[in-house]
C-alpha cells in the first residue's frame, strides 16, 4: 500500500508545518516527516505539491533511498490532478492524506483509502522515539495487532458508512 500526501493541503492543515518560517521550510519538514513515516511503516510514500503556477514541467525527486517520491505538478496542473493520475495507475492500493473532500471522494471511488492530515499527524506521533520528537509518547494501535484481512473488512465497513453519509 502506497501512502500519498496532498503536500500543501497537509502543510496548511497541521500546526506543525504552519509554524515554519517559510513555505520552503515547511515543505522540507513535511518531506522529512514523510521519510520517517516511510521508514517506520515500510510503505512507499509519495508527496505531491502544486507547482501549476511555476514555469517548469512536472518533476519528481527521490528521497530516503527511494522510499519517498516528491512530485511537483506541471504548469496548469494541480496536485489533485497528479494524485488522481497516480491512483489510476497504481497496481496496489493507496491511502491518500488530504482534507480536500473532492479528492477524498475520488480516492474512495478508485478503491483507495482516504485519510485526513490529522491522521498523518497521528501516524507521526506513533513513531518510535528515535524517529520522532522524544516528548511525544508512543501510542499503541489496535490496527498493529489485527490481521490484514480484518483490517480490509473494517475498511470496507468504514467506506460503506462514509458513502451512506453522503
N, C-alpha and C. Protein backbone atom coordinates (compact mmCIF):
# COMPACT_ATOMS: atom_id res chain seq x y z
N UNK A 1 0.84 -1.18 0.00
CA UNK A 1 0.00 0.00 0.00
C UNK A 1 0.89 1.24 0.00
N UNK A 2 0.59 2.14 -0.90
CA UNK A 2 1.33 3.39 -1.04
C UNK A 2 0.61 4.46 -0.23
N UNK A 3 1.37 5.31 0.44
CA UNK A 3 0.81 6.45 1.15
C UNK A 3 1.06 7.69 0.29
N UNK A 4 0.00 8.47 0.04
CA UNK A 4 0.10 9.66 -0.79
C UNK A 4 -0.32 10.87 0.03
N UNK A 5 0.54 11.89 0.07
CA UNK A 5 0.24 13.12 0.80
C UNK A 5 -0.05 14.25 -0.18
N UNK A 6 -1.17 14.92 0.02
CA UNK A 6 -1.50 16.15 -0.70
C UNK A 6 -0.71 17.26 0.00
N UNK A 7 0.51 17.50 -0.47
CA UNK A 7 1.52 18.27 0.24
C UNK A 7 1.08 19.58 0.86
N UNK A 8 0.66 20.54 0.05
CA UNK A 8 0.31 21.84 0.61
C UNK A 8 -0.97 21.78 1.42
N UNK A 9 -1.84 20.84 1.13
CA UNK A 9 -3.05 20.66 1.91
C UNK A 9 -2.68 20.22 3.33
N UNK A 10 -1.74 19.29 3.45
CA UNK A 10 -1.29 18.83 4.76
C UNK A 10 -0.57 19.97 5.50
N UNK A 11 0.29 20.69 4.79
CA UNK A 11 1.01 21.81 5.40
C UNK A 11 0.03 22.85 5.93
N UNK A 12 -0.99 23.17 5.16
CA UNK A 12 -1.95 24.19 5.56
C UNK A 12 -2.88 23.77 6.68
N UNK A 13 -2.98 22.47 6.91
CA UNK A 13 -3.91 21.95 7.91
C UNK A 13 -3.27 21.74 9.28
N UNK A 14 -2.01 21.35 9.29
CA UNK A 14 -1.37 20.96 10.55
C UNK A 14 -0.46 22.07 11.09
N UNK A 15 -0.62 22.36 12.37
CA UNK A 15 0.18 23.39 13.03
C UNK A 15 1.68 23.12 12.95
N UNK A 16 2.07 21.85 12.97
CA UNK A 16 3.50 21.52 12.96
C UNK A 16 4.21 22.06 11.74
N UNK A 17 3.49 22.34 10.65
CA UNK A 17 4.09 22.88 9.44
C UNK A 17 3.84 24.39 9.31
N UNK A 18 2.71 24.83 9.80
CA UNK A 18 2.38 26.26 9.69
C UNK A 18 3.29 27.14 10.52
N UNK A 19 3.96 26.58 11.52
CA UNK A 19 4.86 27.38 12.36
C UNK A 19 6.22 27.59 11.69
N UNK A 20 6.49 26.90 10.60
CA UNK A 20 7.75 27.09 9.88
C UNK A 20 7.82 28.53 9.36
N UNK A 21 9.02 29.06 9.30
CA UNK A 21 9.19 30.46 8.92
C UNK A 21 8.91 30.73 7.45
N UNK A 22 9.14 29.74 6.60
CA UNK A 22 8.89 29.91 5.17
C UNK A 22 8.17 28.67 4.64
N UNK A 23 7.58 28.82 3.48
CA UNK A 23 6.93 27.69 2.84
C UNK A 23 7.96 26.62 2.47
N UNK A 24 9.14 27.05 2.04
CA UNK A 24 10.20 26.08 1.73
C UNK A 24 10.57 25.27 2.96
N UNK A 25 10.66 25.93 4.11
CA UNK A 25 11.00 25.23 5.35
C UNK A 25 9.90 24.25 5.73
N UNK A 26 8.64 24.66 5.59
CA UNK A 26 7.51 23.77 5.89
C UNK A 26 7.53 22.55 4.97
N UNK A 27 7.85 22.78 3.71
CA UNK A 27 7.91 21.69 2.74
C UNK A 27 9.01 20.69 3.14
N UNK A 28 10.16 21.18 3.57
CA UNK A 28 11.25 20.29 3.97
C UNK A 28 10.91 19.51 5.24
N UNK A 29 10.21 20.15 6.18
CA UNK A 29 9.79 19.43 7.39
C UNK A 29 8.82 18.31 7.01
N UNK A 30 7.88 18.60 6.11
CA UNK A 30 6.93 17.58 5.67
C UNK A 30 7.66 16.43 4.97
N UNK A 31 8.60 16.74 4.11
CA UNK A 31 9.34 15.68 3.40
C UNK A 31 10.15 14.85 4.39
N UNK A 32 10.74 15.50 5.39
CA UNK A 32 11.47 14.79 6.44
C UNK A 32 10.53 13.86 7.21
N UNK A 33 9.34 14.37 7.56
CA UNK A 33 8.35 13.53 8.25
C UNK A 33 7.91 12.36 7.37
N UNK A 34 7.77 12.62 6.07
CA UNK A 34 7.39 11.55 5.14
C UNK A 34 8.46 10.46 5.12
N UNK A 35 9.72 10.87 5.17
CA UNK A 35 10.82 9.89 5.18
C UNK A 35 10.75 9.02 6.43
N UNK A 36 10.48 9.65 7.57
CA UNK A 36 10.35 8.89 8.82
C UNK A 36 9.18 7.92 8.75
N UNK A 37 8.05 8.40 8.24
CA UNK A 37 6.85 7.56 8.14
C UNK A 37 7.09 6.39 7.19
N UNK A 38 7.75 6.65 6.06
CA UNK A 38 8.02 5.58 5.11
C UNK A 38 8.95 4.54 5.73
N UNK A 39 9.96 5.00 6.45
CA UNK A 39 10.88 4.08 7.09
C UNK A 39 10.22 3.24 8.16
N UNK A 40 9.34 3.85 8.92
CA UNK A 40 8.68 3.13 10.02
C UNK A 40 7.63 2.15 9.51
N UNK A 41 6.82 2.59 8.53
CA UNK A 41 5.73 1.74 8.05
C UNK A 41 6.20 0.71 7.03
N UNK A 42 7.34 0.98 6.39
CA UNK A 42 7.82 0.09 5.33
C UNK A 42 7.04 0.27 4.04
N UNK A 43 6.27 1.34 3.95
CA UNK A 43 5.46 1.59 2.76
C UNK A 43 6.05 2.75 1.97
N UNK A 44 6.01 2.66 0.65
CA UNK A 44 6.46 3.79 -0.14
C UNK A 44 5.53 4.98 0.08
N UNK A 45 6.09 6.17 0.04
CA UNK A 45 5.31 7.37 0.30
C UNK A 45 5.55 8.37 -0.82
N UNK A 46 4.47 8.97 -1.30
CA UNK A 46 4.55 9.97 -2.36
C UNK A 46 3.97 11.27 -1.82
N UNK A 47 4.74 12.35 -1.94
CA UNK A 47 4.28 13.68 -1.54
C UNK A 47 4.11 14.49 -2.82
N UNK A 48 2.90 15.04 -3.01
CA UNK A 48 2.61 15.79 -4.23
C UNK A 48 2.35 17.25 -3.87
N UNK A 49 3.07 18.14 -4.55
CA UNK A 49 2.92 19.58 -4.34
C UNK A 49 2.41 20.24 -5.61
N UNK A 50 1.55 21.25 -5.43
CA UNK A 50 1.12 22.09 -6.55
C UNK A 50 2.31 22.91 -7.01
N UNK A 51 2.52 22.92 -8.29
CA UNK A 51 3.51 23.83 -8.88
C UNK A 51 2.93 24.37 -10.18
N UNK A 52 1.59 24.35 -10.27
CA UNK A 52 0.93 24.69 -11.53
C UNK A 52 1.15 26.12 -11.98
N UNK A 53 1.64 26.98 -11.10
CA UNK A 53 1.92 28.36 -11.50
C UNK A 53 3.39 28.55 -11.86
N UNK A 54 4.18 27.52 -11.66
CA UNK A 54 5.61 27.61 -11.97
C UNK A 54 5.86 27.34 -13.44
N UNK A 55 7.02 27.75 -13.93
CA UNK A 55 7.33 27.58 -15.36
C UNK A 55 7.87 26.19 -15.72
N UNK A 56 8.27 25.40 -14.73
CA UNK A 56 8.91 24.12 -15.01
C UNK A 56 7.90 23.02 -15.28
N UNK A 57 8.29 22.02 -16.08
CA UNK A 57 7.40 20.86 -16.27
C UNK A 57 7.34 20.05 -14.99
N UNK A 58 6.40 19.10 -14.94
CA UNK A 58 6.31 18.24 -13.76
C UNK A 58 7.67 17.61 -13.50
N UNK A 59 8.03 17.56 -12.22
CA UNK A 59 9.29 16.92 -11.86
C UNK A 59 9.11 16.10 -10.61
N UNK A 60 9.95 15.10 -10.49
CA UNK A 60 9.90 14.22 -9.32
C UNK A 60 11.30 14.04 -8.78
N UNK A 61 11.38 13.93 -7.46
CA UNK A 61 12.65 13.67 -6.77
C UNK A 61 12.48 12.43 -5.91
N UNK A 62 13.51 11.64 -5.81
CA UNK A 62 13.50 10.51 -4.89
C UNK A 62 14.29 10.90 -3.65
N UNK A 63 13.74 10.59 -2.49
CA UNK A 63 14.39 10.87 -1.21
C UNK A 63 14.41 9.60 -0.38
N UNK A 64 15.20 9.60 0.65
CA UNK A 64 15.28 8.48 1.60
C UNK A 64 15.52 7.16 0.88
N UNK A 65 16.50 7.17 -0.02
CA UNK A 65 16.85 5.94 -0.73
C UNK A 65 15.74 5.44 -1.64
N UNK A 66 14.88 6.33 -2.08
CA UNK A 66 13.78 5.95 -2.98
C UNK A 66 12.49 5.61 -2.27
N UNK A 67 12.49 5.61 -0.94
CA UNK A 67 11.27 5.30 -0.19
C UNK A 67 10.25 6.42 -0.30
N UNK A 68 10.72 7.63 -0.56
CA UNK A 68 9.83 8.79 -0.69
C UNK A 68 10.04 9.41 -2.07
N UNK A 69 8.93 9.61 -2.77
CA UNK A 69 8.98 10.30 -4.05
C UNK A 69 8.25 11.62 -3.87
N UNK A 70 8.90 12.71 -4.23
CA UNK A 70 8.31 14.04 -4.15
C UNK A 70 8.02 14.49 -5.58
N UNK A 71 6.75 14.83 -5.83
CA UNK A 71 6.34 15.24 -7.16
C UNK A 71 5.82 16.67 -7.11
N UNK A 72 6.29 17.49 -8.05
CA UNK A 72 5.80 18.86 -8.22
C UNK A 72 5.01 18.86 -9.53
N UNK A 73 3.76 19.31 -9.47
CA UNK A 73 2.89 19.25 -10.65
C UNK A 73 3.41 20.16 -11.75
N UNK A 74 2.92 19.91 -12.95
CA UNK A 74 3.29 20.69 -14.13
C UNK A 74 2.48 21.98 -14.17
N UNK A 75 2.91 22.95 -14.99
CA UNK A 75 2.10 24.16 -15.15
C UNK A 75 0.69 23.80 -15.62
N UNK A 76 -0.31 24.43 -15.02
CA UNK A 76 -1.69 24.18 -15.39
C UNK A 76 -2.28 22.92 -14.79
N UNK A 77 -1.52 22.25 -13.95
CA UNK A 77 -1.98 21.01 -13.34
C UNK A 77 -1.87 21.14 -11.82
N UNK A 78 -2.89 20.70 -11.13
CA UNK A 78 -2.88 20.78 -9.66
C UNK A 78 -2.34 19.49 -9.06
N UNK A 79 -2.04 19.54 -7.77
CA UNK A 79 -1.63 18.34 -7.05
C UNK A 79 -2.75 17.30 -7.12
N UNK A 80 -4.00 17.76 -7.04
CA UNK A 80 -5.14 16.84 -7.13
C UNK A 80 -5.12 16.07 -8.45
N UNK A 81 -4.80 16.78 -9.56
CA UNK A 81 -4.73 16.13 -10.87
C UNK A 81 -3.66 15.03 -10.86
N UNK A 82 -2.52 15.34 -10.28
CA UNK A 82 -1.42 14.37 -10.22
C UNK A 82 -1.82 13.16 -9.37
N UNK A 83 -2.45 13.42 -8.23
CA UNK A 83 -2.86 12.34 -7.34
C UNK A 83 -3.90 11.46 -8.03
N UNK A 84 -4.86 12.06 -8.72
CA UNK A 84 -5.86 11.27 -9.45
C UNK A 84 -5.19 10.39 -10.49
N UNK A 85 -4.21 10.94 -11.20
CA UNK A 85 -3.49 10.16 -12.21
C UNK A 85 -2.72 9.02 -11.55
N UNK A 86 -2.08 9.29 -10.41
CA UNK A 86 -1.36 8.23 -9.69
C UNK A 86 -2.31 7.11 -9.28
N UNK A 87 -3.48 7.49 -8.75
CA UNK A 87 -4.45 6.48 -8.31
C UNK A 87 -4.90 5.60 -9.46
N UNK A 88 -5.04 6.17 -10.64
CA UNK A 88 -5.49 5.37 -11.78
C UNK A 88 -4.40 4.44 -12.30
N UNK A 89 -3.14 4.76 -12.00
CA UNK A 89 -2.03 3.94 -12.50
C UNK A 89 -1.49 2.95 -11.48
N UNK A 90 -1.81 3.12 -10.22
CA UNK A 90 -1.27 2.24 -9.17
C UNK A 90 -1.79 0.81 -9.34
N UNK A 91 -0.90 -0.12 -9.14
CA UNK A 91 -1.30 -1.52 -9.21
C UNK A 91 -1.87 -2.02 -7.90
N UNK A 92 -1.46 -1.44 -6.79
CA UNK A 92 -1.97 -1.83 -5.48
C UNK A 92 -2.91 -0.76 -4.95
N UNK A 93 -3.11 -0.80 -3.66
CA UNK A 93 -3.98 0.20 -3.06
C UNK A 93 -3.15 1.35 -2.49
N UNK A 94 -3.85 2.41 -2.13
CA UNK A 94 -3.18 3.59 -1.60
C UNK A 94 -4.04 4.21 -0.50
N UNK A 95 -3.38 4.98 0.34
CA UNK A 95 -4.07 5.83 1.29
C UNK A 95 -3.70 7.26 0.94
N UNK A 96 -4.71 8.09 0.72
CA UNK A 96 -4.49 9.49 0.35
C UNK A 96 -4.79 10.36 1.56
N UNK A 97 -3.79 11.11 2.01
CA UNK A 97 -3.93 12.03 3.14
C UNK A 97 -4.23 13.42 2.60
N UNK A 98 -5.47 13.87 2.80
CA UNK A 98 -5.89 15.19 2.35
C UNK A 98 -7.13 15.61 3.12
N UNK A 99 -7.32 16.92 3.24
CA UNK A 99 -8.55 17.45 3.82
C UNK A 99 -9.52 17.86 2.72
N UNK A 100 -9.11 17.71 1.48
CA UNK A 100 -9.92 18.08 0.32
C UNK A 100 -11.01 17.00 0.11
N UNK A 101 -12.26 17.38 0.36
CA UNK A 101 -13.35 16.41 0.30
C UNK A 101 -13.48 15.79 -1.09
N UNK A 102 -13.35 16.59 -2.15
CA UNK A 102 -13.49 16.06 -3.51
C UNK A 102 -12.40 15.02 -3.79
N UNK A 103 -11.19 15.28 -3.34
CA UNK A 103 -10.10 14.33 -3.56
C UNK A 103 -10.32 13.07 -2.72
N UNK A 104 -10.86 13.23 -1.51
CA UNK A 104 -11.18 12.05 -0.69
C UNK A 104 -12.19 11.17 -1.41
N UNK A 105 -13.21 11.79 -1.99
CA UNK A 105 -14.24 11.02 -2.72
C UNK A 105 -13.63 10.31 -3.93
N UNK A 106 -12.74 10.99 -4.62
CA UNK A 106 -12.07 10.37 -5.77
C UNK A 106 -11.25 9.17 -5.32
N UNK A 107 -10.53 9.31 -4.22
CA UNK A 107 -9.73 8.19 -3.71
C UNK A 107 -10.62 6.99 -3.41
N UNK A 108 -11.74 7.24 -2.73
CA UNK A 108 -12.66 6.15 -2.42
C UNK A 108 -13.22 5.51 -3.69
N UNK A 109 -13.56 6.34 -4.66
CA UNK A 109 -14.11 5.82 -5.92
C UNK A 109 -13.10 4.97 -6.67
N UNK A 110 -11.83 5.24 -6.48
CA UNK A 110 -10.77 4.47 -7.16
C UNK A 110 -10.30 3.28 -6.34
N UNK A 111 -11.00 2.98 -5.24
CA UNK A 111 -10.67 1.81 -4.44
C UNK A 111 -9.56 2.04 -3.43
N UNK A 112 -9.23 3.29 -3.19
CA UNK A 112 -8.19 3.61 -2.22
C UNK A 112 -8.82 4.06 -0.91
N UNK A 113 -7.98 4.28 0.06
CA UNK A 113 -8.41 4.73 1.37
C UNK A 113 -8.17 6.22 1.47
N UNK A 114 -9.06 6.91 2.14
CA UNK A 114 -8.86 8.34 2.39
C UNK A 114 -8.48 8.51 3.85
N UNK A 115 -7.69 9.52 4.10
CA UNK A 115 -7.30 9.82 5.48
C UNK A 115 -7.07 11.33 5.57
N UNK A 116 -7.25 11.86 6.74
CA UNK A 116 -7.09 13.29 6.95
C UNK A 116 -5.65 13.62 7.32
N UNK A 117 -5.25 14.87 7.17
CA UNK A 117 -3.92 15.26 7.64
C UNK A 117 -3.74 14.97 9.13
N UNK A 118 -4.79 15.10 9.92
CA UNK A 118 -4.70 14.79 11.35
C UNK A 118 -4.29 13.33 11.54
N UNK A 119 -4.78 12.43 10.69
CA UNK A 119 -4.39 11.02 10.79
C UNK A 119 -2.92 10.83 10.44
N UNK A 120 -2.39 11.66 9.54
CA UNK A 120 -0.95 11.60 9.26
C UNK A 120 -0.18 12.07 10.50
N UNK A 121 -0.65 13.13 11.15
CA UNK A 121 -0.01 13.60 12.38
C UNK A 121 -0.05 12.51 13.44
N UNK A 122 -1.17 11.79 13.54
CA UNK A 122 -1.27 10.69 14.50
C UNK A 122 -0.26 9.59 14.18
N UNK A 123 -0.08 9.29 12.90
CA UNK A 123 0.91 8.30 12.49
C UNK A 123 2.30 8.75 12.94
N UNK A 124 2.61 10.02 12.75
CA UNK A 124 3.91 10.54 13.17
C UNK A 124 4.09 10.44 14.68
N UNK A 125 3.01 10.68 15.41
CA UNK A 125 3.08 10.60 16.87
C UNK A 125 3.29 9.18 17.37
N UNK A 126 3.00 8.19 16.54
CA UNK A 126 3.17 6.80 16.93
C UNK A 126 4.55 6.24 16.59
N UNK A 127 5.36 7.03 15.91
CA UNK A 127 6.70 6.57 15.55
C UNK A 127 7.52 6.34 16.82
N UNK A 128 8.46 5.42 16.75
CA UNK A 128 9.33 5.22 17.92
C UNK A 128 10.10 6.50 18.23
N UNK A 129 10.52 6.63 19.45
CA UNK A 129 11.18 7.85 19.91
C UNK A 129 12.40 8.22 19.08
N UNK A 130 13.09 7.25 18.50
CA UNK A 130 14.27 7.58 17.71
C UNK A 130 13.92 8.32 16.42
N UNK A 131 12.66 8.19 15.98
CA UNK A 131 12.26 8.81 14.73
C UNK A 131 11.32 10.00 14.91
N UNK A 132 10.98 10.34 16.13
CA UNK A 132 10.05 11.44 16.35
C UNK A 132 10.53 12.26 17.53
N UNK A 133 9.79 13.25 17.84
CA UNK A 133 10.12 14.08 18.99
C UNK A 133 10.03 13.24 20.25
N UNK A 134 11.04 13.26 21.10
CA UNK A 134 11.03 12.40 22.29
C UNK A 134 9.97 12.79 23.33
N UNK A 135 9.39 13.97 23.22
CA UNK A 135 8.39 14.37 24.22
C UNK A 135 6.97 13.94 23.84
N UNK A 136 6.82 13.20 22.74
CA UNK A 136 5.52 12.69 22.34
C UNK A 136 5.49 11.19 22.63
N UNK A 137 4.62 10.73 23.54
CA UNK A 137 4.61 9.30 23.88
C UNK A 137 4.08 8.45 22.73
N UNK A 138 4.59 7.23 22.62
CA UNK A 138 4.11 6.29 21.60
C UNK A 138 2.76 5.76 22.03
N UNK A 139 1.86 5.69 21.07
CA UNK A 139 0.53 5.16 21.34
C UNK A 139 0.44 3.75 20.76
N UNK A 140 -0.21 2.88 21.47
CA UNK A 140 -0.43 1.53 20.97
C UNK A 140 -1.65 1.56 20.06
N UNK A 141 -1.52 0.94 18.91
CA UNK A 141 -2.62 0.93 17.95
C UNK A 141 -3.22 -0.47 17.86
N UNK A 142 -4.52 -0.53 17.85
CA UNK A 142 -5.21 -1.80 17.67
C UNK A 142 -4.88 -2.36 16.30
N UNK A 143 -4.77 -1.48 15.29
CA UNK A 143 -4.50 -1.92 13.93
C UNK A 143 -3.20 -2.71 13.83
N UNK A 144 -2.25 -2.44 14.71
CA UNK A 144 -0.98 -3.17 14.70
C UNK A 144 -1.15 -4.62 15.12
N UNK A 145 -2.26 -4.93 15.75
CA UNK A 145 -2.47 -6.29 16.26
C UNK A 145 -3.51 -7.07 15.45
N UNK A 146 -4.08 -6.46 14.42
CA UNK A 146 -5.11 -7.12 13.61
C UNK A 146 -4.50 -7.69 12.33
N UNK A 147 -5.12 -8.74 11.82
CA UNK A 147 -4.66 -9.32 10.56
C UNK A 147 -5.01 -8.39 9.40
N UNK A 148 -4.31 -8.57 8.29
CA UNK A 148 -4.60 -7.76 7.11
C UNK A 148 -6.04 -7.96 6.63
N UNK A 149 -6.53 -9.18 6.72
CA UNK A 149 -7.91 -9.48 6.31
C UNK A 149 -8.90 -8.73 7.19
N UNK A 150 -8.69 -8.71 8.49
CA UNK A 150 -9.57 -7.98 9.40
C UNK A 150 -9.53 -6.49 9.11
N UNK A 151 -8.33 -5.97 8.87
CA UNK A 151 -8.20 -4.54 8.53
C UNK A 151 -8.94 -4.22 7.24
N UNK A 152 -8.84 -5.12 6.25
CA UNK A 152 -9.54 -4.91 4.97
C UNK A 152 -11.04 -4.88 5.19
N UNK A 153 -11.56 -5.81 5.97
CA UNK A 153 -13.00 -5.86 6.23
C UNK A 153 -13.48 -4.61 6.98
N UNK A 154 -12.71 -4.18 7.96
CA UNK A 154 -13.07 -2.96 8.69
C UNK A 154 -13.08 -1.74 7.77
N UNK A 155 -12.11 -1.68 6.86
CA UNK A 155 -12.07 -0.57 5.90
C UNK A 155 -13.30 -0.59 4.99
N UNK A 156 -13.73 -1.77 4.57
CA UNK A 156 -14.94 -1.88 3.75
C UNK A 156 -16.15 -1.35 4.51
N UNK A 157 -16.26 -1.70 5.78
CA UNK A 157 -17.37 -1.21 6.61
C UNK A 157 -17.31 0.32 6.72
N UNK A 158 -16.09 0.86 6.94
CA UNK A 158 -15.93 2.31 7.05
C UNK A 158 -16.33 3.00 5.76
N UNK A 159 -15.94 2.43 4.62
CA UNK A 159 -16.29 3.03 3.32
C UNK A 159 -17.79 3.05 3.10
N UNK A 160 -18.45 1.91 3.44
CA UNK A 160 -19.91 1.85 3.27
C UNK A 160 -20.58 2.90 4.14
N UNK A 161 -20.10 3.06 5.37
CA UNK A 161 -20.67 4.06 6.28
C UNK A 161 -20.43 5.47 5.73
N UNK A 162 -19.24 5.72 5.18
CA UNK A 162 -18.93 7.05 4.63
C UNK A 162 -19.81 7.32 3.41
N UNK A 163 -20.02 6.32 2.57
CA UNK A 163 -20.86 6.52 1.40
C UNK A 163 -22.31 6.75 1.78
N UNK A 164 -22.73 6.17 2.89
CA UNK A 164 -24.10 6.37 3.37
C UNK A 164 -24.32 7.75 3.91
N UNK A 165 -23.24 8.43 4.35
CA UNK A 165 -23.35 9.77 4.90
C UNK A 165 -23.49 10.81 3.81
N UNK A 166 -23.10 10.48 2.60
CA UNK A 166 -23.09 11.48 1.51
C UNK A 166 -24.47 11.82 1.03
